[in-house]
Amino acid sequence: MPIYEYQCTKCGESFEVRQSMGADGSSLNCPKCKAKNPKRLISSFSSIGSESFGSSGYGGSTCSTGNCSTGTCGLPMM
């Protein structure tokens, strides 16, 4: 099951929910204030072990040299 991020439209609390892909979140309540119908947020996808763009979990950022495989960009290597 995928994990979706939501934000309460009343208090602004952000939270994550594991739910099926077809679910729309209309039955969810905010865990903080119990308000109904939170807004689903757009989040980035990350995959460990893949060598495709953006797989590092850092949103696809590149280092100053443009070659993060050297480990010189300041980000931990995966």
Protein backbone atom coordinates (compact mmCIF):
# COMPACT_ATOMS: atom_id res chain seq x y z
CA MET A 1 0.00 0.00 0.00
CA PRO A 2 1.31 3.47 -0.81
CA ILE A 3 1.82 6.16 1.82
CA TYR A 4 0.06 9.46 1.14
CA GLU A 5 0.71 12.81 2.80
CA TYR A 6 -2.21 14.95 3.93
CA GLN A 7 -2.58 18.37 5.52
CA CYS A 8 -5.50 19.51 7.66
CA THR A 9 -7.35 22.47 6.15
CA LYS A 10 -8.34 23.68 9.63
CA CYS A 11 -5.19 23.51 11.82
CA GLY A 12 -2.46 22.88 9.19
CA GLU A 13 -1.24 19.60 10.73
CA SER A 14 0.60 17.38 8.22
CA PHE A 15 0.36 13.60 8.51
CA GLU A 16 0.90 10.41 6.52
CA VAL A 17 -1.58 7.61 5.86
CA ARG A 18 -1.15 4.16 4.30
CA GLN A 19 -4.14 3.58 2.05
CA SER A 20 -5.10 1.87 -1.18
CA MET A 21 -4.46 3.71 -4.44
CA GLY A 22 -8.18 4.16 -5.16
CA ALA A 23 -8.98 5.80 -1.82
CA ASP A 24 -9.59 9.55 -1.90
CA GLY A 25 -9.09 10.40 1.77
CA SER A 26 -12.63 11.71 2.24
CA SER A 27 -13.13 9.50 5.30
CA LEU A 28 -9.95 10.74 7.05
CA ASN A 29 -9.85 13.00 10.10
CA CYS A 30 -6.95 15.13 11.30
CA PRO A 31 -5.11 13.33 14.11
CA LYS A 32 -4.62 16.66 15.95
CA CYS A 33 -7.95 18.52 15.74
CA LYS A 34 -10.19 15.75 14.28
CA ALA A 35 -11.37 17.97 11.38
CA LYS A 36 -12.66 16.13 8.30
CA ASN A 37 -11.52 16.15 4.66
CA PRO A 38 -7.78 16.93 4.79
CA LYS A 39 -6.00 18.00 1.60
CA ARG A 40 -3.74 15.44 -0.12
CA LEU A 41 -0.26 16.83 -0.70
CA ILE A 42 1.99 16.18 -3.68
CA SER A 43 5.18 14.47 -2.59
CA SER A 44 8.29 13.27 -4.38
CA PHE A 45 9.08 9.64 -5.07
CA SER A 46 12.26 7.99 -3.88
CA SER A 47 13.64 4.54 -4.57
CA ILE A 48 16.74 3.16 -2.87
CA GLY A 49 18.99 1.02 -5.05
CA SER A 50 17.94 2.57 -8.35
CA GLU A 51 20.38 4.60 -10.40
CA SER A 52 17.71 6.68 -12.10
CA PHE A 53 17.38 10.46 -11.68
CA GLY A 54 16.05 11.50 -8.28
CA SER A 55 16.63 8.12 -6.66
CA SER A 56 18.83 9.52 -3.92
CA GLY A 57 15.84 10.79 -1.97
CA TYR A 58 17.07 14.37 -2.13
CA GLY A 59 14.64 15.54 -4.82
CA GLY A 60 17.09 15.20 -7.70
CA SER A 61 19.44 17.95 -6.52
CA THR A 62 22.90 17.96 -8.00
CA CYS A 63 26.12 18.99 -6.34
CA SER A 64 28.23 21.94 -7.41
CA THR A 65 30.40 19.70 -9.59
CA GLY A 66 27.38 18.02 -11.24
CA ASN A 67 28.83 14.61 -10.35
CA CYS A 68 27.39 13.40 -7.05
CA SER A 69 28.83 9.93 -7.50
CA THR A 70 32.13 11.32 -6.25
CA GLY A 71 30.65 12.08 -2.82
CA THR A 72 31.95 15.65 -2.95
CA CYS A 73 28.57 17.35 -2.92
CA GLY A 74 28.09 17.15 0.85
CA LEU A 75 25.24 14.66 0.70
CA PRO A 76 25.73 11.18 2.13
CA MET A 77 26.30 8.55 -0.51
CA MET A 78 23.69 5.76 -0.78
